[in-house]
Amino acid sequence: MSQIHHAVLDQQQQPGQYNQICTRSSSGSTPAAEEPSASCPGHRSRTPRRKWQVFPGRNRFYCDGRIMMARQTGVFYLTLVLILLTSGLFFTFDCPFLASNLTPAIPAVGGVLFLFVMGMLFRASFSDPGVLPRATPDEAADLERQIADTESVELSITTELRFEG
């Protein structure tokens, strides 16, 4: 089967430079165990990289990019310690008295609120804060071309206002 050559951006080269790699048809007559570097000269095997690995930014990523945290994690740990400390004191000293003298519903509500607060803390700390991903060079060039096209158009809107007083 013939080989199809595609130009793709090589991540290790400077932006704008391209490297030729070849792809093979899955219905090809060559055996699957054949090395791609033997049949495709210049082909380098590399694992796909995620956008957060290519453009790391100022955040830390854990669990293959599923957890994202800021570099300064001290505030998170301080908040975690304060919540755990005050909740621990409440459940150790106040809950037994409240459950025996008033109603067992108070410690149950306190437990539900504790789980809700901890869940929201982890969700806010470990999730993407809405950071827009960086544009690839092609996306940036397209955006700049769109901006240049709209700057040449002049808009004139005339409105008549009549005040009677």
Protein backbone atom coordinates (compact mmCIF):
# COMPACT_ATOMS: atom_id res chain seq x y z
CA MET A 1 0.00 0.00 0.00
CA SER A 2 1.28 3.47 -0.69
CA GLN A 3 2.36 5.74 2.10
CA ILE A 4 0.66 9.09 2.66
CA HIS A 5 2.85 11.95 3.78
CA HIS A 6 1.41 14.64 6.04
CA ALA A 7 3.16 17.76 7.30
CA VAL A 8 2.73 18.20 11.01
CA LEU A 9 4.14 20.71 13.41
CA ASP A 10 7.12 19.32 15.25
CA GLN A 11 6.89 20.36 18.90
CA GLN A 12 10.68 20.30 19.43
CA GLN A 13 11.40 22.69 16.55
CA GLN A 14 10.81 26.39 16.34
CA PRO A 15 7.20 27.49 15.69
CA GLY A 16 6.45 27.62 12.00
CA GLN A 17 8.89 24.85 11.00
CA TYR A 18 7.40 21.57 9.83
CA ASN A 19 8.64 18.03 9.75
CA GLN A 20 7.44 15.31 7.35
CA ILE A 21 6.11 12.10 8.86
CA CYS A 22 4.32 9.27 7.16
CA THR A 23 1.21 7.40 8.16
CA ARG A 24 0.26 3.97 7.00
CA SER A 25 -3.13 2.65 6.05
CA SER A 26 -4.58 0.15 8.52
CA SER A 27 -5.48 -2.16 5.60
CA GLY A 28 -1.89 -2.28 4.36
CA SER A 29 -0.24 -5.50 3.22
CA THR A 30 2.77 -5.08 5.50
CA PRO A 31 2.81 -6.97 8.80
CA ALA A 32 1.78 -5.08 11.93
CA ALA A 33 4.96 -6.04 13.80
CA GLU A 34 7.13 -4.05 11.38
CA GLU A 35 8.83 -1.06 12.97
CA PRO A 36 7.49 2.29 11.72
CA SER A 37 11.01 3.73 11.65
CA ALA A 38 12.10 1.04 9.18
CA SER A 39 9.28 1.75 6.72
CA CYS A 40 9.07 5.51 7.29
CA PRO A 41 12.49 7.18 7.16
CA GLY A 42 12.79 10.09 9.54
CA HIS A 43 9.87 8.89 11.69
CA ARG A 44 10.38 9.32 15.42
CA SER A 45 8.07 7.57 17.84
CA ARG A 46 6.81 9.87 20.55
CA THR A 47 3.90 9.72 22.91
CA PRO A 48 1.11 12.25 22.47
CA ARG A 49 1.45 15.23 24.77
CA ARG A 50 -1.42 17.08 26.37
CA LYS A 51 -1.81 20.83 26.08
CA TRP A 52 -0.95 21.37 29.77
CA GLN A 53 2.36 19.55 29.21
CA VAL A 54 3.27 21.67 26.21
CA PHE A 55 2.17 24.99 27.80
CA PRO A 56 2.73 24.36 31.53
CA GLY A 57 1.84 27.84 32.82
CA ARG A 58 2.04 28.58 36.54
CA ASN A 59 -0.11 25.73 37.86
CA ARG A 60 0.71 22.26 39.11
CA PHE A 61 -1.04 19.28 37.56
CA TYR A 62 -1.67 15.91 39.20
CA CYS A 63 -3.42 12.67 38.12
CA ASP A 64 -2.64 13.14 34.42
CA GLY A 65 -3.97 16.69 34.36
CA ARG A 66 -7.26 15.96 36.13
CA ILE A 67 -6.24 17.89 39.25
CA MET A 68 -4.95 21.43 38.86
CA MET A 69 -3.57 23.48 41.75
CA ALA A 70 -1.82 26.81 42.09
CA ARG A 71 1.88 26.82 42.90
CA GLN A 72 1.24 28.49 46.27
CA THR A 73 -0.64 25.74 48.12
CA GLY A 74 -0.14 27.22 51.59
CA VAL A 75 -3.57 28.86 51.70
CA PHE A 76 -5.24 25.58 50.77
CA TYR A 77 -3.42 23.69 53.52
CA LEU A 78 -4.17 26.41 56.09
CA THR A 79 -7.87 26.32 55.19
CA LEU A 80 -7.89 22.53 55.36
CA VAL A 81 -6.25 22.50 58.81
CA LEU A 82 -8.63 25.16 60.18
CA ILE A 83 -11.74 23.35 58.94
CA LEU A 84 -10.55 19.97 60.22
CA LEU A 85 -9.50 21.43 63.59
CA THR A 86 -12.75 23.28 64.31
CA SER A 87 -14.90 20.42 63.03
CA GLY A 88 -12.92 17.92 65.08
CA LEU A 89 -13.41 20.01 68.23
CA PHE A 90 -17.14 20.33 67.50
CA PHE A 91 -17.65 16.60 66.95
CA THR A 92 -15.47 15.65 69.93
CA PHE A 93 -16.85 17.97 72.61
CA ASP A 94 -20.19 19.46 71.53
CA CYS A 95 -21.87 16.68 69.59
CA PRO A 96 -22.11 14.14 72.44
CA PHE A 97 -23.82 16.72 74.67
CA LEU A 98 -26.16 17.94 71.90
CA ALA A 99 -27.08 14.39 70.84
CA SER A 100 -27.92 13.25 74.39
CA ASN A 101 -29.65 16.40 75.70
CA LEU A 102 -31.38 17.85 72.62
CA THR A 103 -31.64 15.72 69.51
CA PRO A 104 -29.36 13.48 67.44
CA ALA A 105 -30.34 15.51 64.36
CA ILE A 106 -27.88 18.29 65.25
CA PRO A 107 -24.75 16.11 64.89
CA ALA A 108 -26.25 14.59 61.71
CA VAL A 109 -26.78 18.05 60.20
CA GLY A 110 -23.27 19.01 61.31
CA GLY A 111 -21.86 15.93 59.57
CA VAL A 112 -23.73 16.71 56.35
CA LEU A 113 -22.49 20.32 56.44
CA PHE A 114 -18.93 19.13 57.11
CA LEU A 115 -19.02 16.80 54.09
CA PHE A 116 -20.51 19.56 51.92
CA VAL A 117 -17.84 22.09 52.96
CA MET A 118 -14.99 19.62 52.40
CA GLY A 119 -16.40 18.61 49.02
CA MET A 120 -16.68 22.21 47.87
CA LEU A 121 -13.17 23.01 49.15
CA PHE A 122 -11.68 20.11 47.19
CA ARG A 123 -13.75 20.96 44.13
CA ALA A 124 -12.63 24.59 44.17
CA SER A 125 -9.00 23.71 44.90
CA PHE A 126 -8.54 20.85 42.47
CA SER A 127 -10.56 21.97 39.47
CA ASP A 128 -9.85 24.20 36.52
CA PRO A 129 -10.60 27.80 37.54
CA GLY A 130 -11.78 28.68 34.05
CA VAL A 131 -8.40 29.52 32.57
CA LEU A 132 -8.62 29.85 28.83
CA PRO A 133 -6.17 27.54 27.06
CA ARG A 134 -3.41 29.16 25.06
CA ALA A 135 -3.98 29.33 21.34
CA THR A 136 -1.84 27.33 18.95
CA PRO A 137 0.19 29.40 16.45
CA ASP A 138 -2.40 28.69 13.73
CA GLU A 139 -5.27 29.79 15.99
CA ALA A 140 -3.41 32.97 16.97
CA ALA A 141 -2.69 33.85 13.32
CA ASP A 142 -6.35 33.29 12.42
CA LEU A 143 -7.50 35.47 15.32
CA GLU A 144 -5.14 38.29 14.35
CA ARG A 145 -6.35 38.09 10.75
CA GLN A 146 -9.97 38.40 11.94
CA ILE A 147 -9.07 41.41 14.09
CA ALA A 148 -7.27 43.09 11.18
CA ASP A 149 -10.33 42.54 8.96
CA THR A 150 -12.73 44.12 11.45
CA GLU A 151 -10.52 47.17 12.09
CA SER A 152 -10.83 48.27 8.47
CA VAL A 153 -14.64 48.45 8.68
CA GLU A 154 -15.98 51.74 10.00
CA LEU A 155 -19.31 51.74 11.72
CA SER A 156 -21.41 54.86 11.78
CA ILE A 157 -24.63 54.86 13.70
CA THR A 158 -26.75 57.99 13.78
CA THR A 159 -29.53 58.38 16.28
CA GLU A 160 -31.96 61.25 16.50
CA LEU A 161 -33.10 62.21 19.95
CA ARG A 162 -35.82 64.76 20.45
CA PHE A 163 -36.49 66.18 23.90
CA GLU A 164 -39.72 67.97 24.50
CA GLY A 165 -40.03 69.65 27.76
